[in-house]
Amino acid sequence: MTKKMRWIVLIPLFVLAGGVGLWTLTSKWMEDGLNPKADGSNEYAIVLGAKVKKGNVPSLSLRYRLESALAYANEYPHVTFVLSGGQGPDEDIEEAVVMRNFLLDNGISEDRLIIEDQSTSTYENLLFSQELLPENVKSVTIITSDYHLQRAKILAKKLDWETDVVAAKTPEVVEAKVRLRERAALLKTYIVGK
């Protein structure tokens, strides 16, 4: 085998090995995001927004996040919730408003809800939420989709927050797509920081 032919064989093998390595690494990162599980010890929980469909209906991803938040709110009635999500270009209303309406309709008192309706990214969700909380808050609970937790935790750490988590399930219909996209976002966050 000539030197050139050897490289023709080796380069795809290196690329494949690198791809498998990155896939394994990002899988572990997403798994790490599921802990520590929240136990009501934090006074504040931040619920990260997701797509709102026409008619101001939560997407399935947002609905699962809200159902997880509702269960947590009922289990820990002392916790206050920051509902974080602005209005996307294809949305008719801020995600945070839809989130508030869902929780109010399900019996959560308005005095337990703080609205953050300007953010357009996970980093902004956390940064803008931090601006609404007392300065002495150094630890919060994050409620979002299971695949999204690790990146949210990394970004919260950059804001000097300790975190625990409540994982919402990911809709099966979008799971492959969002997990693939999240792998790229995680790598970007580790490299760039946001």
C-alpha atoms as a PDB file:
ATOM      1  CA  MET A   1       0.000   0.000   0.000  1.00  0.00           C
ATOM      2  CA  THR A   2       1.426   3.350  -0.988  1.00  0.00           C
ATOM      3  CA  LYS A   3       1.753   6.218   1.463  1.00  0.00           C
ATOM      4  CA  LYS A   4      -1.025   8.140  -0.308  1.00  0.00           C
ATOM      5  CA  MET A   5      -3.409   5.161  -0.161  1.00  0.00           C
ATOM      6  CA  ARG A   6      -2.635   4.711   3.551  1.00  0.00           C
ATOM      7  CA  TRP A   7      -3.714   8.304   4.200  1.00  0.00           C
ATOM      8  CA  ILE A   8      -6.871   7.790   2.140  1.00  0.00           C
ATOM      9  CA  VAL A   9      -7.774   4.941   4.532  1.00  0.00           C
ATOM     10  CA  LEU A  10      -6.553   6.582   7.769  1.00  0.00           C
ATOM     11  CA  ILE A  11      -8.205  10.006   7.413  1.00  0.00           C
ATOM     12  CA  PRO A  12     -11.800   8.653   7.380  1.00  0.00           C
ATOM     13  CA  LEU A  13     -10.922   6.389  10.321  1.00  0.00           C
ATOM     14  CA  PHE A  14      -9.620   9.384  12.318  1.00  0.00           C
ATOM     15  CA  VAL A  15     -12.750  11.379  11.456  1.00  0.00           C
ATOM     16  CA  LEU A  16     -14.976   8.464  12.484  1.00  0.00           C
ATOM     17  CA  ALA A  17     -13.086   7.960  15.746  1.00  0.00           C
ATOM     18  CA  GLY A  18     -13.308  11.689  16.499  1.00  0.00           C
ATOM     19  CA  GLY A  19     -17.043  11.704  15.780  1.00  0.00           C
ATOM     20  CA  VAL A  20     -17.660   8.698  18.035  1.00  0.00           C
ATOM     21  CA  GLY A  21     -15.552  10.324  20.757  1.00  0.00           C
ATOM     22  CA  LEU A  22     -17.495  13.608  20.585  1.00  0.00           C
ATOM     23  CA  TRP A  23     -20.811  11.739  20.568  1.00  0.00           C
ATOM     24  CA  THR A  24     -19.801   9.779  23.681  1.00  0.00           C
ATOM     25  CA  LEU A  25     -18.517  12.893  25.449  1.00  0.00           C
ATOM     26  CA  THR A  26     -21.626  14.979  24.760  1.00  0.00           C
ATOM     27  CA  SER A  27     -23.844  12.046  25.800  1.00  0.00           C
ATOM     28  CA  LYS A  28     -22.061  11.972  29.151  1.00  0.00           C
ATOM     29  CA  TRP A  29     -22.444  15.742  29.533  1.00  0.00           C
ATOM     30  CA  MET A  30     -26.201  15.515  28.930  1.00  0.00           C
ATOM     31  CA  GLU A  31     -26.436  12.674  31.453  1.00  0.00           C
ATOM     32  CA  ASP A  32     -24.472  14.764  33.991  1.00  0.00           C
ATOM     33  CA  GLY A  33     -27.069  17.512  33.612  1.00  0.00           C
ATOM     34  CA  LEU A  34     -29.712  15.411  35.372  1.00  0.00           C
ATOM     35  CA  ASN A  35     -28.071  15.896  38.791  1.00  0.00           C
ATOM     36  CA  PRO A  36     -28.257  17.083  41.473  1.00  0.00           C
ATOM     37  CA  LYS A  37     -32.015  16.649  41.623  1.00  0.00           C
ATOM     38  CA  ALA A  38     -33.917  19.492  43.261  1.00  0.00           C
ATOM     39  CA  ASP A  39     -35.258  18.900  46.755  1.00  0.00           C
ATOM     40  CA  GLY A  40     -36.948  22.190  47.601  1.00  0.00           C
ATOM     41  CA  SER A  41     -33.876  23.657  49.290  1.00  0.00           C
ATOM     42  CA  ASN A  42     -33.683  26.595  46.852  1.00  0.00           C
ATOM     43  CA  GLU A  43     -36.141  29.422  47.362  1.00  0.00           C
ATOM     44  CA  TYR A  44     -36.300  30.193  43.624  1.00  0.00           C
ATOM     45  CA  ALA A  45     -36.765  28.024  40.541  1.00  0.00           C
ATOM     46  CA  ILE A  46     -36.296  29.225  36.963  1.00  0.00           C
ATOM     47  CA  VAL A  47     -38.470  27.637  34.292  1.00  0.00           C
ATOM     48  CA  LEU A  48     -36.876  28.036  30.874  1.00  0.00           C
ATOM     49  CA  GLY A  49     -39.213  28.860  28.005  1.00  0.00           C
ATOM     50  CA  ALA A  50     -39.774  27.031  24.750  1.00  0.00           C
ATOM     51  CA  LYS A  51     -41.829  27.507  21.595  1.00  0.00           C
ATOM     52  CA  VAL A  52     -45.373  28.826  21.762  1.00  0.00           C
ATOM     53  CA  LYS A  53     -47.596  27.706  18.881  1.00  0.00           C
ATOM     54  CA  LYS A  54     -50.344  29.635  17.103  1.00  0.00           C
ATOM     55  CA  GLY A  55     -53.275  30.401  19.353  1.00  0.00           C
ATOM     56  CA  ASN A  56     -50.862  30.941  22.277  1.00  0.00           C
ATOM     57  CA  VAL A  57     -50.683  27.206  22.950  1.00  0.00           C
ATOM     58  CA  PRO A  58     -47.532  25.799  24.572  1.00  0.00           C
ATOM     59  CA  SER A  59     -45.538  23.485  22.329  1.00  0.00           C
ATOM     60  CA  LEU A  60     -45.192  19.953  23.686  1.00  0.00           C
ATOM     61  CA  SER A  61     -41.689  20.817  24.944  1.00  0.00           C
ATOM     62  CA  LEU A  62     -43.005  23.824  26.841  1.00  0.00           C
ATOM     63  CA  ARG A  63     -45.988  21.871  28.138  1.00  0.00           C
ATOM     64  CA  TYR A  64     -43.709  19.178  29.578  1.00  0.00           C
ATOM     65  CA  ARG A  65     -41.575  21.863  31.252  1.00  0.00           C
ATOM     66  CA  LEU A  66     -44.709  23.455  32.701  1.00  0.00           C
ATOM     67  CA  GLU A  67     -46.064  20.126  33.940  1.00  0.00           C
ATOM     68  CA  SER A  68     -42.751  19.494  35.702  1.00  0.00           C
ATOM     69  CA  ALA A  69     -42.841  22.991  37.194  1.00  0.00           C
ATOM     70  CA  LEU A  70     -46.434  22.477  38.344  1.00  0.00           C
ATOM     71  CA  ALA A  71     -45.606  19.197  40.064  1.00  0.00           C
ATOM     72  CA  TYR A  72     -42.603  20.817  41.762  1.00  0.00           C
ATOM     73  CA  ALA A  73     -44.691  23.850  42.812  1.00  0.00           C
ATOM     74  CA  ASN A  74     -47.287  21.586  44.392  1.00  0.00           C
ATOM     75  CA  GLU A  75     -44.627  19.554  46.209  1.00  0.00           C
ATOM     76  CA  TYR A  76     -42.735  22.630  47.486  1.00  0.00           C
ATOM     77  CA  PRO A  77     -45.242  25.438  48.141  1.00  0.00           C
ATOM     78  CA  HIS A  78     -42.554  27.798  49.501  1.00  0.00           C
ATOM     79  CA  VAL A  79     -40.710  28.003  46.139  1.00  0.00           C
ATOM     80  CA  THR A  80     -41.106  31.082  43.903  1.00  0.00           C
ATOM     81  CA  PHE A  81     -40.864  30.580  40.138  1.00  0.00           C
ATOM     82  CA  VAL A  82     -39.220  32.811  37.539  1.00  0.00           C
ATOM     83  CA  LEU A  83     -40.915  32.128  34.211  1.00  0.00           C
ATOM     84  CA  SER A  84     -38.346  33.018  31.601  1.00  0.00           C
ATOM     85  CA  GLY A  85     -38.951  33.456  27.887  1.00  0.00           C
ATOM     86  CA  GLY A  86     -39.488  36.330  25.486  1.00  0.00           C
ATOM     87  CA  GLN A  87     -41.429  36.490  22.238  1.00  0.00           C
ATOM     88  CA  GLY A  88     -39.834  34.839  19.232  1.00  0.00           C
ATOM     89  CA  PRO A  89     -40.273  36.227  15.709  1.00  0.00           C
ATOM     90  CA  ASP A  90     -42.876  33.545  14.923  1.00  0.00           C
ATOM     91  CA  GLU A  91     -44.742  33.822  18.235  1.00  0.00           C
ATOM     92  CA  ASP A  92     -47.737  36.055  18.998  1.00  0.00           C
ATOM     93  CA  ILE A  93     -47.018  36.375  22.712  1.00  0.00           C
ATOM     94  CA  GLU A  94     -44.148  36.118  25.173  1.00  0.00           C
ATOM     95  CA  GLU A  95     -43.414  32.571  26.319  1.00  0.00           C
ATOM     96  CA  ALA A  96     -43.378  33.742  29.957  1.00  0.00           C
ATOM     97  CA  VAL A  97     -46.966  35.005  29.676  1.00  0.00           C
ATOM     98  CA  VAL A  98     -48.181  31.647  28.339  1.00  0.00           C
ATOM     99  CA  MET A  99     -46.266  29.950  31.165  1.00  0.00           C
ATOM    100  CA  ARG A 100     -47.884  32.204  33.775  1.00  0.00           C
ATOM    101  CA  ASN A 101     -51.350  31.556  32.356  1.00  0.00           C
ATOM    102  CA  PHE A 102     -50.811  27.788  32.477  1.00  0.00           C
ATOM    103  CA  LEU A 103     -49.656  27.833  36.103  1.00  0.00           C
ATOM    104  CA  LEU A 104     -52.433  30.207  37.190  1.00  0.00           C
ATOM    105  CA  ASP A 105     -55.016  28.008  35.446  1.00  0.00           C
ATOM    106  CA  ASN A 106     -53.620  25.068  37.404  1.00  0.00           C
ATOM    107  CA  GLY A 107     -53.944  26.684  40.811  1.00  0.00           C
ATOM    108  CA  ILE A 108     -50.544  28.278  41.415  1.00  0.00           C
ATOM    109  CA  SER A 109     -50.845  31.634  43.160  1.00  0.00           C
ATOM    110  CA  GLU A 110     -49.713  34.692  41.187  1.00  0.00           C
ATOM    111  CA  ASP A 111     -47.567  35.856  44.103  1.00  0.00           C
ATOM    112  CA  ARG A 112     -45.321  32.831  43.503  1.00  0.00           C
ATOM    113  CA  LEU A 113     -44.636  33.824  39.879  1.00  0.00           C
ATOM    114  CA  ILE A 114     -42.059  36.288  38.529  1.00  0.00           C
ATOM    115  CA  ILE A 115     -42.217  37.094  34.814  1.00  0.00           C
ATOM    116  CA  GLU A 116     -39.061  37.499  32.718  1.00  0.00           C
ATOM    117  CA  ASP A 117     -40.344  38.161  29.207  1.00  0.00           C
ATOM    118  CA  GLN A 118     -37.363  39.645  27.325  1.00  0.00           C
ATOM    119  CA  SER A 119     -34.934  36.744  26.867  1.00  0.00           C
ATOM    120  CA  THR A 120     -34.269  35.069  23.526  1.00  0.00           C
ATOM    121  CA  SER A 121     -31.594  32.504  24.486  1.00  0.00           C
ATOM    122  CA  THR A 122     -30.700  30.206  27.359  1.00  0.00           C
ATOM    123  CA  TYR A 123     -27.974  32.590  28.519  1.00  0.00           C
ATOM    124  CA  GLU A 124     -30.419  35.517  28.503  1.00  0.00           C
ATOM    125  CA  ASN A 125     -33.012  33.370  30.334  1.00  0.00           C
ATOM    126  CA  LEU A 126     -30.591  33.057  33.218  1.00  0.00           C
ATOM    127  CA  LEU A 127     -29.000  36.509  33.062  1.00  0.00           C
ATOM    128  CA  PHE A 128     -32.300  38.390  32.907  1.00  0.00           C
ATOM    129  CA  SER A 129     -33.791  36.150  35.600  1.00  0.00           C
ATOM    130  CA  GLN A 130     -30.836  36.896  37.849  1.00  0.00           C
ATOM    131  CA  GLU A 131     -31.566  40.613  37.507  1.00  0.00           C
ATOM    132  CA  LEU A 132     -35.068  40.026  38.927  1.00  0.00           C
ATOM    133  CA  LEU A 133     -33.912  38.156  42.026  1.00  0.00           C
ATOM    134  CA  PRO A 134     -32.372  39.497  45.255  1.00  0.00           C
ATOM    135  CA  GLU A 135     -28.585  39.924  45.014  1.00  0.00           C
ATOM    136  CA  ASN A 136     -27.997  37.472  47.846  1.00  0.00           C
ATOM    137  CA  VAL A 137     -29.468  34.541  45.875  1.00  0.00           C
ATOM    138  CA  LYS A 138     -26.535  32.272  45.036  1.00  0.00           C
ATOM    139  CA  SER A 139     -28.348  29.012  44.304  1.00  0.00           C
ATOM    140  CA  VAL A 140     -31.396  28.292  42.138  1.00  0.00           C
ATOM    141  CA  THR A 141     -33.333  25.373  40.724  1.00  0.00           C
ATOM    142  CA  ILE A 142     -33.466  25.083  36.933  1.00  0.00           C
ATOM    143  CA  ILE A 143     -36.490  23.470  35.287  1.00  0.00           C
ATOM    144  CA  THR A 144     -36.107  22.602  31.626  1.00  0.00           C
ATOM    145  CA  SER A 145     -35.997  19.654  29.224  1.00  0.00           C
ATOM    146  CA  ASP A 146     -33.716  16.820  30.281  1.00  0.00           C
ATOM    147  CA  TYR A 147     -31.329  17.251  27.335  1.00  0.00           C
ATOM    148  CA  HIS A 148     -31.018  21.012  28.014  1.00  0.00           C
ATOM    149  CA  LEU A 149     -30.054  20.904  31.693  1.00  0.00           C
ATOM    150  CA  GLN A 150     -26.273  20.580  31.423  1.00  0.00           C
ATOM    151  CA  ARG A 151     -25.874  23.619  29.202  1.00  0.00           C
ATOM    152  CA  ALA A 152     -28.168  25.634  31.466  1.00  0.00           C
ATOM    153  CA  LYS A 153     -26.096  24.558  34.484  1.00  0.00           C
ATOM    154  CA  ILE A 154     -22.845  25.606  32.777  1.00  0.00           C
ATOM    155  CA  LEU A 155     -24.276  29.022  31.929  1.00  0.00           C
ATOM    156  CA  ALA A 156     -25.659  29.455  35.458  1.00  0.00           C
ATOM    157  CA  LYS A 157     -22.217  28.702  36.874  1.00  0.00           C
ATOM    158  CA  LYS A 158     -20.790  31.535  34.750  1.00  0.00           C
ATOM    159  CA  LEU A 159     -23.264  33.787  36.597  1.00  0.00           C
ATOM    160  CA  ASP A 160     -21.905  32.475  39.947  1.00  0.00           C
ATOM    161  CA  TRP A 161     -24.983  30.392  40.673  1.00  0.00           C
ATOM    162  CA  GLU A 162     -25.055  26.935  42.191  1.00  0.00           C
ATOM    163  CA  THR A 163     -27.894  24.854  40.773  1.00  0.00           C
ATOM    164  CA  ASP A 164     -30.025  21.814  41.236  1.00  0.00           C
ATOM    165  CA  VAL A 165     -32.453  20.619  38.602  1.00  0.00           C
ATOM    166  CA  VAL A 166     -35.897  19.372  37.681  1.00  0.00           C
ATOM    167  CA  ALA A 167     -35.841  17.452  34.399  1.00  0.00           C
ATOM    168  CA  ALA A 168     -38.790  17.635  32.025  1.00  0.00           C
ATOM    169  CA  LYS A 169     -39.115  14.841  29.501  1.00  0.00           C
ATOM    170  CA  THR A 170     -38.385  15.524  25.852  1.00  0.00           C
ATOM    171  CA  PRO A 171     -41.173  14.895  23.322  1.00  0.00           C
ATOM    172  CA  GLU A 172     -40.350  11.792  21.291  1.00  0.00           C
ATOM    173  CA  VAL A 173     -41.352  13.501  18.049  1.00  0.00           C
ATOM    174  CA  VAL A 174     -38.461  16.008  18.321  1.00  0.00           C
ATOM    175  CA  GLU A 175     -36.025  14.092  20.517  1.00  0.00           C
ATOM    176  CA  ALA A 176     -33.496  13.082  17.844  1.00  0.00           C
ATOM    177  CA  LYS A 177     -33.384  16.597  16.356  1.00  0.00           C
ATOM    178  CA  VAL A 178     -33.087  18.533  19.627  1.00  0.00           C
ATOM    179  CA  ARG A 179     -30.499  16.173  21.114  1.00  0.00           C
ATOM    180  CA  LEU A 180     -28.337  16.488  17.996  1.00  0.00           C
ATOM    181  CA  ARG A 181     -28.647  20.278  18.059  1.00  0.00           C
ATOM    182  CA  GLU A 182     -27.914  20.340  21.795  1.00  0.00           C
ATOM    183  CA  ARG A 183     -24.654  18.420  21.269  1.00  0.00           C
ATOM    184  CA  ALA A 184     -23.414  21.216  19.007  1.00  0.00           C
ATOM    185  CA  ALA A 185     -24.664  23.872  21.455  1.00  0.00           C
ATOM    186  CA  LEU A 186     -22.879  22.146  24.349  1.00  0.00           C
ATOM    187  CA  LEU A 187     -19.594  22.064  22.443  1.00  0.00           C
ATOM    188  CA  LYS A 188     -20.000  25.751  21.580  1.00  0.00           C
ATOM    189  CA  THR A 189     -20.753  26.595  25.230  1.00  0.00           C
ATOM    190  CA  TYR A 190     -17.666  24.731  26.448  1.00  0.00           C
ATOM    191  CA  ILE A 191     -15.458  26.432  23.845  1.00  0.00           C
ATOM    192  CA  VAL A 192     -16.938  29.942  23.602  1.00  0.00           C
ATOM    193  CA  GLY A 193     -18.662  30.244  26.959  1.00  0.00           C
ATOM    194  CA  LYS A 194     -22.234  31.109  25.837  1.00  0.00           C
END
